Amino acid sequence: LCVFVTRYLDLFTTFYSIYNSLMKVLYIVMTASIIYTIKFQEPIKTTFDKSQDSFLHWQFAVAPCVALALVTHLIGSGFTNFDIMELLWTF
């Protein structure tokens, strides 16, 4: 969900079309509803066991992706053309 939200931040800055905006919002809402269903809705909630989910998401997934996005963005645009929106899109 974090990736989709950062990818679609252009919803607040640039308007392309109603279709494009609507599909981005629907994609974020549907992803959030799937995550909500897995974590909080029965009977799916009972099949998720937090004690068996030992993967450290922030250390092994998010942090390397942030570092790679920063390096990729700096190589592509340099320090002079640094734009936080482009960096978040790269993430």
PDB file of N, CA and C in Angstrom:
ATOM      1  N   LEU A   1       0.833  -1.191   0.000  1.00  0.00           N
ATOM      2  CA  LEU A   1       0.000   0.000   0.000  1.00  0.00           C
ATOM      3  C   LEU A   1       0.874   1.250   0.000  1.00  0.00           C
ATOM      4  N   CYS A   2       1.957   1.195   0.738  1.00  0.00           N
ATOM      5  CA  CYS A   2       2.883   2.334   0.803  1.00  0.00           C
ATOM      6  C   CYS A   2       3.423   2.664  -0.584  1.00  0.00           C
ATOM      7  N   VAL A   3       3.759   1.652  -1.335  1.00  0.00           N
ATOM      8  CA  VAL A   3       4.288   1.861  -2.689  1.00  0.00           C
ATOM      9  C   VAL A   3       3.242   2.495  -3.592  1.00  0.00           C
ATOM     10  N   PHE A   4       2.005   2.020  -3.528  1.00  0.00           N
ATOM     11  CA  PHE A   4       0.963   2.556  -4.401  1.00  0.00           C
ATOM     12  C   PHE A   4       0.627   3.996  -4.050  1.00  0.00           C
ATOM     13  N   VAL A   5       0.606   4.301  -2.762  1.00  0.00           N
ATOM     14  CA  VAL A   5       0.294   5.671  -2.351  1.00  0.00           C
ATOM     15  C   VAL A   5       1.388   6.628  -2.809  1.00  0.00           C
ATOM     16  N   THR A   6       2.651   6.240  -2.651  1.00  0.00           N
ATOM     17  CA  THR A   6       3.732   7.133  -3.112  1.00  0.00           C
ATOM     18  C   THR A   6       3.778   7.205  -4.634  1.00  0.00           C
ATOM     19  N   ARG A   7       3.405   6.149  -5.302  1.00  0.00           N
ATOM     20  CA  ARG A   7       3.415   6.151  -6.760  1.00  0.00           C
ATOM     21  C   ARG A   7       2.346   7.072  -7.334  1.00  0.00           C
ATOM     22  N   TYR A   8       1.220   7.185  -6.641  1.00  0.00           N
ATOM     23  CA  TYR A   8       0.091   7.949  -7.162  1.00  0.00           C
ATOM     24  C   TYR A   8      -0.089   9.302  -6.492  1.00  0.00           C
ATOM     25  N   LEU A   9       0.971   9.884  -5.943  1.00  0.00           N
ATOM     26  CA  LEU A   9       0.881  11.211  -5.351  1.00  0.00           C
ATOM     27  C   LEU A   9       0.601  12.298  -6.384  1.00  0.00           C
ATOM     28  N   ASP A  10       0.812  11.990  -7.652  1.00  0.00           N
ATOM     29  CA  ASP A  10       0.537  12.982  -8.689  1.00  0.00           C
ATOM     30  C   ASP A  10      -0.950  13.293  -8.795  1.00  0.00           C
ATOM     31  N   LEU A  11      -1.789  12.540  -8.108  1.00  0.00           N
ATOM     32  CA  LEU A  11      -3.220  12.859  -8.066  1.00  0.00           C
ATOM     33  C   LEU A  11      -3.452  14.255  -7.494  1.00  0.00           C
ATOM     34  N   PHE A  12      -2.571  14.699  -6.606  1.00  0.00           N
ATOM     35  CA  PHE A  12      -2.721  15.995  -5.956  1.00  0.00           C
ATOM     36  C   PHE A  12      -2.071  17.133  -6.739  1.00  0.00           C
ATOM     37  N   THR A  13      -1.252  16.812  -7.731  1.00  0.00           N
ATOM     38  CA  THR A  13      -0.521  17.870  -8.437  1.00  0.00           C
ATOM     39  C   THR A  13      -0.866  17.984  -9.914  1.00  0.00           C
ATOM     40  N   THR A  14      -1.192  16.878 -10.570  1.00  0.00           N
ATOM     41  CA  THR A  14      -1.393  16.888 -12.016  1.00  0.00           C
ATOM     42  C   THR A  14      -2.682  16.156 -12.357  1.00  0.00           C
ATOM     43  N   PHE A  15      -3.490  16.764 -13.205  1.00  0.00           N
ATOM     44  CA  PHE A  15      -4.714  16.114 -13.661  1.00  0.00           C
ATOM     45  C   PHE A  15      -4.511  15.651 -15.099  1.00  0.00           C
ATOM     46  N   TYR A  16      -4.672  14.343 -15.327  1.00  0.00           N
ATOM     47  CA  TYR A  16      -4.553  13.790 -16.671  1.00  0.00           C
ATOM     48  C   TYR A  16      -5.928  13.559 -17.280  1.00  0.00           C
ATOM     49  N   SER A  17      -6.772  12.814 -16.574  1.00  0.00           N
ATOM     50  CA  SER A  17      -8.129  12.559 -17.042  1.00  0.00           C
ATOM     51  C   SER A  17      -8.944  12.005 -15.880  1.00  0.00           C
ATOM     52  N   ILE A  18     -10.248  12.039 -16.038  1.00  0.00           N
ATOM     53  CA  ILE A  18     -11.141  11.471 -15.018  1.00  0.00           C
ATOM     54  C   ILE A  18     -10.866   9.975 -14.870  1.00  0.00           C
ATOM     55  N   TYR A  19     -10.713   9.294 -15.995  1.00  0.00           N
ATOM     56  CA  TYR A  19     -10.462   7.855 -15.981  1.00  0.00           C
ATOM     57  C   TYR A  19      -9.183   7.538 -15.205  1.00  0.00           C
ATOM     58  N   ASN A  20      -8.106   8.246 -15.495  1.00  0.00           N
ATOM     59  CA  ASN A  20      -6.822   8.009 -14.844  1.00  0.00           C
ATOM     60  C   ASN A  20      -6.929   8.246 -13.341  1.00  0.00           C
ATOM     61  N   SER A  21      -7.530   9.344 -12.951  1.00  0.00           N
ATOM     62  CA  SER A  21      -7.664   9.667 -11.532  1.00  0.00           C
ATOM     63  C   SER A  21      -8.546   8.651 -10.820  1.00  0.00           C
ATOM     64  N   LEU A  22      -9.650   8.303 -11.434  1.00  0.00           N
ATOM     65  CA  LEU A  22     -10.571   7.342 -10.837  1.00  0.00           C
ATOM     66  C   LEU A  22      -9.909   5.974 -10.664  1.00  0.00           C
ATOM     67  N   MET A  23      -9.180   5.523 -11.660  1.00  0.00           N
ATOM     68  CA  MET A  23      -8.535   4.212 -11.567  1.00  0.00           C
ATOM     69  C   MET A  23      -7.445   4.194 -10.500  1.00  0.00           C
ATOM     70  N   LYS A  24      -6.704   5.285 -10.353  1.00  0.00           N
ATOM     71  CA  LYS A  24      -5.675   5.350  -9.308  1.00  0.00           C
ATOM     72  C   LYS A  24      -6.307   5.300  -7.924  1.00  0.00           C
ATOM     73  N   VAL A  25      -7.377   6.057  -7.739  1.00  0.00           N
ATOM     74  CA  VAL A  25      -8.055   6.054  -6.445  1.00  0.00           C
ATOM     75  C   VAL A  25      -8.658   4.678  -6.166  1.00  0.00           C
ATOM     76  N   LEU A  26      -9.297   4.075  -7.145  1.00  0.00           N
ATOM     77  CA  LEU A  26      -9.871   2.743  -6.960  1.00  0.00           C
ATOM     78  C   LEU A  26      -8.798   1.703  -6.639  1.00  0.00           C
ATOM     79  N   TYR A  27      -7.654   1.805  -7.278  1.00  0.00           N
ATOM     80  CA  TYR A  27      -6.566   0.867  -7.036  1.00  0.00           C
ATOM     81  C   TYR A  27      -6.075   0.974  -5.592  1.00  0.00           C
ATOM     82  N   ILE A  28      -5.920   2.195  -5.100  1.00  0.00           N
ATOM     83  CA  ILE A  28      -5.482   2.395  -3.718  1.00  0.00           C
ATOM     84  C   ILE A  28      -6.545   1.884  -2.746  1.00  0.00           C
ATOM     85  N   VAL A  29      -7.804   2.205  -3.009  1.00  0.00           N
ATOM     86  CA  VAL A  29      -8.889   1.774  -2.125  1.00  0.00           C
ATOM     87  C   VAL A  29      -9.012   0.252  -2.113  1.00  0.00           C
ATOM     88  N   MET A  30      -8.916  -0.378  -3.261  1.00  0.00           N
ATOM     89  CA  MET A  30      -9.029  -1.837  -3.312  1.00  0.00           C
ATOM     90  C   MET A  30      -7.847  -2.519  -2.611  1.00  0.00           C
ATOM     91  N   THR A  31      -6.653  -1.978  -2.776  1.00  0.00           N
ATOM     92  CA  THR A  31      -5.496  -2.534  -2.082  1.00  0.00           C
ATOM     93  C   THR A  31      -5.663  -2.399  -0.577  1.00  0.00           C
ATOM     94  N   ALA A  32      -6.115  -1.235  -0.124  1.00  0.00           N
ATOM     95  CA  ALA A  32      -6.345  -1.029   1.310  1.00  0.00           C
ATOM     96  C   ALA A  32      -7.432  -1.968   1.830  1.00  0.00           C
ATOM     97  N   SER A  33      -8.474  -2.203   1.030  1.00  0.00           N
ATOM     98  CA  SER A  33      -9.538  -3.096   1.484  1.00  0.00           C
ATOM     99  C   SER A  33      -9.057  -4.547   1.562  1.00  0.00           C
ATOM    100  N   ILE A  34      -8.174  -4.944   0.675  1.00  0.00           N
ATOM    101  CA  ILE A  34      -7.610  -6.302   0.747  1.00  0.00           C
ATOM    102  C   ILE A  34      -6.763  -6.454   2.004  1.00  0.00           C
ATOM    103  N   ILE A  35      -5.937  -5.466   2.299  1.00  0.00           N
ATOM    104  CA  ILE A  35      -5.112  -5.514   3.504  1.00  0.00           C
ATOM    105  C   ILE A  35      -5.991  -5.530   4.749  1.00  0.00           C
ATOM    106  N   TYR A  36      -7.024  -4.700   4.750  1.00  0.00           N
ATOM    107  CA  TYR A  36      -7.969  -4.674   5.883  1.00  0.00           C
ATOM    108  C   TYR A  36      -8.648  -6.034   6.060  1.00  0.00           C
ATOM    109  N   THR A  37      -9.073  -6.633   4.963  1.00  0.00           N
ATOM    110  CA  THR A  37      -9.745  -7.928   5.027  1.00  0.00           C
ATOM    111  C   THR A  37      -8.824  -8.996   5.595  1.00  0.00           C
ATOM    112  N   ILE A  38      -7.590  -9.013   5.147  1.00  0.00           N
ATOM    113  CA  ILE A  38      -6.645 -10.028   5.628  1.00  0.00           C
ATOM    114  C   ILE A  38      -6.362  -9.859   7.114  1.00  0.00           C
ATOM    115  N   LYS A  39      -6.260  -8.621   7.588  1.00  0.00           N
ATOM    116  CA  LYS A  39      -5.886  -8.401   8.978  1.00  0.00           C
ATOM    117  C   LYS A  39      -7.048  -8.372   9.960  1.00  0.00           C
ATOM    118  N   PHE A  40      -8.251  -7.974   9.518  1.00  0.00           N
ATOM    119  CA  PHE A  40      -9.304  -7.720  10.497  1.00  0.00           C
ATOM    120  C   PHE A  40     -10.628  -8.443  10.261  1.00  0.00           C
ATOM    121  N   GLN A  41     -10.867  -9.031   9.110  1.00  0.00           N
ATOM    122  CA  GLN A  41     -12.161  -9.652   8.816  1.00  0.00           C
ATOM    123  C   GLN A  41     -12.106 -11.168   9.024  1.00  0.00           C
ATOM    124  N   GLU A  42     -13.136 -11.688   9.659  1.00  0.00           N
ATOM    125  CA  GLU A  42     -13.273 -13.141   9.795  1.00  0.00           C
ATOM    126  C   GLU A  42     -13.859 -13.692   8.510  1.00  0.00           C
ATOM    127  N   PRO A  43     -13.572 -14.863   8.071  1.00  0.00           N
ATOM    128  CA  PRO A  43     -12.732 -15.921   8.623  1.00  0.00           C
ATOM    129  C   PRO A  43     -11.275 -15.827   8.169  1.00  0.00           C
ATOM    130  N   ILE A  44     -10.960 -14.862   7.326  1.00  0.00           N
ATOM    131  CA  ILE A  44      -9.592 -14.765   6.807  1.00  0.00           C
ATOM    132  C   ILE A  44      -8.622 -14.375   7.914  1.00  0.00           C
ATOM    133  N   LYS A  45      -9.054 -13.554   8.845  1.00  0.00           N
ATOM    134  CA  LYS A  45      -8.200 -13.104   9.941  1.00  0.00           C
ATOM    135  C   LYS A  45      -7.635 -14.276  10.732  1.00  0.00           C
ATOM    136  N   THR A  46      -8.417 -15.308  10.917  1.00  0.00           N
ATOM    137  CA  THR A  46      -7.973 -16.442  11.724  1.00  0.00           C
ATOM    138  C   THR A  46      -6.910 -17.280  11.022  1.00  0.00           C
ATOM    139  N   THR A  47      -6.782 -17.164   9.713  1.00  0.00           N
ATOM    140  CA  THR A  47      -5.757 -17.928   9.003  1.00  0.00           C
ATOM    141  C   THR A  47      -4.401 -17.223   9.012  1.00  0.00           C
ATOM    142  N   PHE A  48      -4.372 -15.956   9.394  1.00  0.00           N
ATOM    143  CA  PHE A  48      -3.111 -15.215   9.470  1.00  0.00           C
ATOM    144  C   PHE A  48      -2.550 -15.331  10.872  1.00  0.00           C
ATOM    145  N   ASP A  49      -1.356 -15.894  10.993  1.00  0.00           N
ATOM    146  CA  ASP A  49      -0.714 -16.071  12.290  1.00  0.00           C
ATOM    147  C   ASP A  49       0.495 -15.153  12.378  1.00  0.00           C
ATOM    148  N   LYS A  50       0.377 -14.105  13.183  1.00  0.00           N
ATOM    149  CA  LYS A  50       1.439 -13.109  13.299  1.00  0.00           C
ATOM    150  C   LYS A  50       2.741 -13.726  13.809  1.00  0.00           C
ATOM    151  N   SER A  51       2.658 -14.729  14.656  1.00  0.00           N
ATOM    152  CA  SER A  51       3.869 -15.340  15.207  1.00  0.00           C
ATOM    153  C   SER A  51       4.670 -16.082  14.134  1.00  0.00           C
ATOM    154  N   GLN A  52       4.001 -16.554  13.075  1.00  0.00           N
ATOM    155  CA  GLN A  52       4.713 -17.235  11.996  1.00  0.00           C
ATOM    156  C   GLN A  52       5.212 -16.268  10.928  1.00  0.00           C
ATOM    157  N   ASP A  53       4.754 -15.034  10.967  1.00  0.00           N
ATOM    158  CA  ASP A  53       5.196 -14.030  10.012  1.00  0.00           C
ATOM    159  C   ASP A  53       6.412 -13.319  10.591  1.00  0.00           C
ATOM    160  N   SER A  54       7.568 -13.934  10.425  1.00  0.00           N
ATOM    161  CA  SER A  54       8.787 -13.411  11.040  1.00  0.00           C
ATOM    162  C   SER A  54       9.617 -12.558  10.080  1.00  0.00           C
ATOM    163  N   PHE A  55       9.110 -12.300   8.880  1.00  0.00           N
ATOM    164  CA  PHE A  55       9.849 -11.496   7.909  1.00  0.00           C
ATOM    165  C   PHE A  55       9.897 -10.050   8.375  1.00  0.00           C
ATOM    166  N   LEU A  56      11.082  -9.486   8.436  1.00  0.00           N
ATOM    167  CA  LEU A  56      11.258  -8.105   8.886  1.00  0.00           C
ATOM    168  C   LEU A  56      11.082  -7.163   7.687  1.00  0.00           C
ATOM    169  N   HIS A  57       9.842  -6.772   7.445  1.00  0.00           N
ATOM    170  CA  HIS A  57       9.495  -6.004   6.251  1.00  0.00           C
ATOM    171  C   HIS A  57      10.268  -4.695   6.149  1.00  0.00           C
ATOM    172  N   TRP A  58      10.357  -3.956   7.236  1.00  0.00           N
ATOM    173  CA  TRP A  58      10.999  -2.641   7.187  1.00  0.00           C
ATOM    174  C   TRP A  58      12.493  -2.758   6.920  1.00  0.00           C
ATOM    175  N   GLN A  59      13.140  -3.803   7.436  1.00  0.00           N
ATOM    176  CA  GLN A  59      14.582  -3.944   7.264  1.00  0.00           C
ATOM    177  C   GLN A  59      14.967  -4.552   5.921  1.00  0.00           C
ATOM    178  N   PHE A  60      14.208  -5.521   5.458  1.00  0.00           N
ATOM    179  CA  PHE A  60      14.618  -6.255   4.266  1.00  0.00           C
ATOM    180  C   PHE A  60      13.824  -5.925   3.013  1.00  0.00           C
ATOM    181  N   ALA A  61      12.773  -5.148   3.112  1.00  0.00           N
ATOM    182  CA  ALA A  61      11.986  -4.792   1.931  1.00  0.00           C
ATOM    183  C   ALA A  61      11.925  -3.276   1.738  1.00  0.00           C
ATOM    184  N   VAL A  62      11.456  -2.569   2.733  1.00  0.00           N
ATOM    185  CA  VAL A  62      11.226  -1.131   2.576  1.00  0.00           C
ATOM    186  C   VAL A  62      12.538  -0.353   2.556  1.00  0.00           C
ATOM    187  N   ALA A  63      13.412  -0.583   3.524  1.00  0.00           N
ATOM    188  CA  ALA A  63      14.660   0.182   3.602  1.00  0.00           C
ATOM    189  C   ALA A  63      15.532   0.016   2.348  1.00  0.00           C
ATOM    190  N   PRO A  64      15.753  -1.212   1.834  1.00  0.00           N
ATOM    191  CA  PRO A  64      16.541  -1.331   0.606  1.00  0.00           C
ATOM    192  C   PRO A  64      15.865  -0.667  -0.595  1.00  0.00           C
ATOM    193  N   CYS A  65      14.545  -0.714  -0.658  1.00  0.00           N
ATOM    194  CA  CYS A  65      13.839  -0.061  -1.770  1.00  0.00           C
ATOM    195  C   CYS A  65      13.976   1.456  -1.699  1.00  0.00           C
ATOM    196  N   VAL A  66      13.933   2.005  -0.495  1.00  0.00           N
ATOM    197  CA  VAL A  66      14.120   3.446  -0.330  1.00  0.00           C
ATOM    198  C   VAL A  66      15.536   3.838  -0.750  1.00  0.00           C
ATOM    199  N   ALA A  67      16.524   3.069  -0.315  1.00  0.00           N
ATOM    200  CA  ALA A  67      17.909   3.368  -0.680  1.00  0.00           C
ATOM    201  C   ALA A  67      18.121   3.254  -2.193  1.00  0.00           C
ATOM    202  N   LEU A  68      17.563   2.205  -2.792  1.00  0.00           N
ATOM    203  CA  LEU A  68      17.696   2.026  -4.237  1.00  0.00           C
ATOM    204  C   LEU A  68      16.981   3.129  -5.009  1.00  0.00           C
ATOM    205  N   ALA A  69      15.823   3.553  -4.536  1.00  0.00           N
ATOM    206  CA  ALA A  69      15.097   4.650  -5.182  1.00  0.00           C
ATOM    207  C   ALA A  69      15.890   5.944  -5.098  1.00  0.00           C
ATOM    208  N   LEU A  70      16.497   6.203  -3.951  1.00  0.00           N
ATOM    209  CA  LEU A  70      17.302   7.416  -3.792  1.00  0.00           C
ATOM    210  C   LEU A  70      18.505   7.409  -4.729  1.00  0.00           C
ATOM    211  N   VAL A  71      19.213   6.287  -4.784  1.00  0.00           N
ATOM    212  CA  VAL A  71      20.372   6.182  -5.676  1.00  0.00           C
ATOM    213  C   VAL A  71      19.941   6.315  -7.135  1.00  0.00           C
ATOM    214  N   THR A  72      18.887   5.633  -7.513  1.00  0.00           N
ATOM    215  CA  THR A  72      18.397   5.695  -8.895  1.00  0.00           C
ATOM    216  C   THR A  72      17.984   7.109  -9.266  1.00  0.00           C
ATOM    217  N   HIS A  73      17.297   7.774  -8.370  1.00  0.00           N
ATOM    218  CA  HIS A  73      16.843   9.140  -8.646  1.00  0.00           C
ATOM    219  C   HIS A  73      18.016  10.106  -8.754  1.00  0.00           C
ATOM    220  N   LEU A  74      19.005   9.951  -7.873  1.00  0.00           N
ATOM    221  CA  LEU A  74      20.169  10.838  -7.920  1.00  0.00           C
ATOM    222  C   LEU A  74      21.012  10.596  -9.165  1.00  0.00           C
ATOM    223  N   ILE A  75      21.126   9.354  -9.603  1.00  0.00           N
ATOM    224  CA  ILE A  75      21.856   9.071 -10.839  1.00  0.00           C
ATOM    225  C   ILE A  75      21.125   9.651 -12.041  1.00  0.00           C
ATOM    226  N   GLY A  76      19.800   9.528 -12.041  1.00  0.00           N
ATOM    227  CA  GLY A  76      19.013   9.996 -13.175  1.00  0.00           C
ATOM    228  C   GLY A  76      18.900  11.496 -13.280  1.00  0.00           C
ATOM    229  N   SER A  77      18.734  12.188 -12.151  1.00  0.00           N
ATOM    230  CA  SER A  77      18.500  13.624 -12.234  1.00  0.00           C
ATOM    231  C   SER A  77      19.555  14.464 -11.529  1.00  0.00           C
ATOM    232  N   GLY A  78      20.364  13.875 -10.702  1.00  0.00           N
ATOM    233  CA  GLY A  78      21.415  14.611 -10.010  1.00  0.00           C
ATOM    234  C   GLY A  78      20.879  15.433  -8.854  1.00  0.00           C
ATOM    235  N   PHE A  79      21.804  16.165  -8.206  1.00  0.00           N
ATOM    236  CA  PHE A  79      21.425  16.982  -7.058  1.00  0.00           C
ATOM    237  C   PHE A  79      20.710  18.258  -7.469  1.00  0.00           C
ATOM    238  N   THR A  80      21.025  18.777  -8.646  1.00  0.00           N
ATOM    239  CA  THR A  80      20.456  20.059  -9.058  1.00  0.00           C
ATOM    240  C   THR A  80      18.981  19.954  -9.428  1.00  0.00           C
ATOM    241  N   ASN A  81      18.557  18.829  -9.990  1.00  0.00           N
ATOM    242  CA  ASN A  81      17.165  18.640 -10.398  1.00  0.00           C
ATOM    243  C   ASN A  81      16.400  17.733  -9.437  1.00  0.00           C
ATOM    244  N   PHE A  82      16.823  17.702  -8.183  1.00  0.00           N
ATOM    245  CA  PHE A  82      16.199  16.821  -7.195  1.00  0.00           C
ATOM    246  C   PHE A  82      14.760  17.259  -6.940  1.00  0.00           C
ATOM    247  N   ASP A  83      13.820  16.305  -7.041  1.00  0.00           N
ATOM    248  CA  ASP A  83      12.404  16.582  -6.823  1.00  0.00           C
ATOM    249  C   ASP A  83      11.842  15.469  -5.945  1.00  0.00           C
ATOM    250  N   ILE A  84      11.250  15.841  -4.815  1.00  0.00           N
ATOM    251  CA  ILE A  84      10.753  14.848  -3.873  1.00  0.00           C
ATOM    252  C   ILE A  84       9.616  14.017  -4.465  1.00  0.00           C
ATOM    253  N   MET A  85       8.787  14.614  -5.304  1.00  0.00           N
ATOM    254  CA  MET A  85       7.699  13.861  -5.932  1.00  0.00           C
ATOM    255  C   MET A  85       8.250  12.779  -6.871  1.00  0.00           C
ATOM    256  N   GLU A  86       9.284  13.111  -7.609  1.00  0.00           N
ATOM    257  CA  GLU A  86       9.916  12.123  -8.494  1.00  0.00           C
ATOM    258  C   GLU A  86      10.588  11.015  -7.683  1.00  0.00           C
ATOM    259  N   LEU A  87      11.186  11.394  -6.559  1.00  0.00           N
ATOM    260  CA  LEU A  87      11.805  10.386  -5.693  1.00  0.00           C
ATOM    261  C   LEU A  87      10.759   9.432  -5.138  1.00  0.00           C
ATOM    262  N   LEU A  88       9.628   9.956  -4.695  1.00  0.00           N
ATOM    263  CA  LEU A  88       8.571   9.090  -4.177  1.00  0.00           C
ATOM    264  C   LEU A  88       7.987   8.221  -5.275  1.00  0.00           C
ATOM    265  N   TRP A  89       7.899   8.730  -6.488  1.00  0.00           N
ATOM    266  CA  TRP A  89       7.418   7.921  -7.606  1.00  0.00           C
ATOM    267  C   TRP A  89       8.410   6.791  -7.901  1.00  0.00           C
ATOM    268  N   THR A  90       9.693   7.098  -7.816  1.00  0.00           N
ATOM    269  CA  THR A  90      10.717   6.080  -8.055  1.00  0.00           C
ATOM    270  C   THR A  90      10.649   4.985  -7.003  1.00  0.00           C
ATOM    271  N   PHE A  91      10.310   5.343  -5.782  1.00  0.00           N
ATOM    272  CA  PHE A  91      10.173   4.360  -4.705  1.00  0.00           C
ATOM    273  C   PHE A  91       9.103   3.357  -5.067  1.00  0.00           C
TER     274      PHE A  91
END
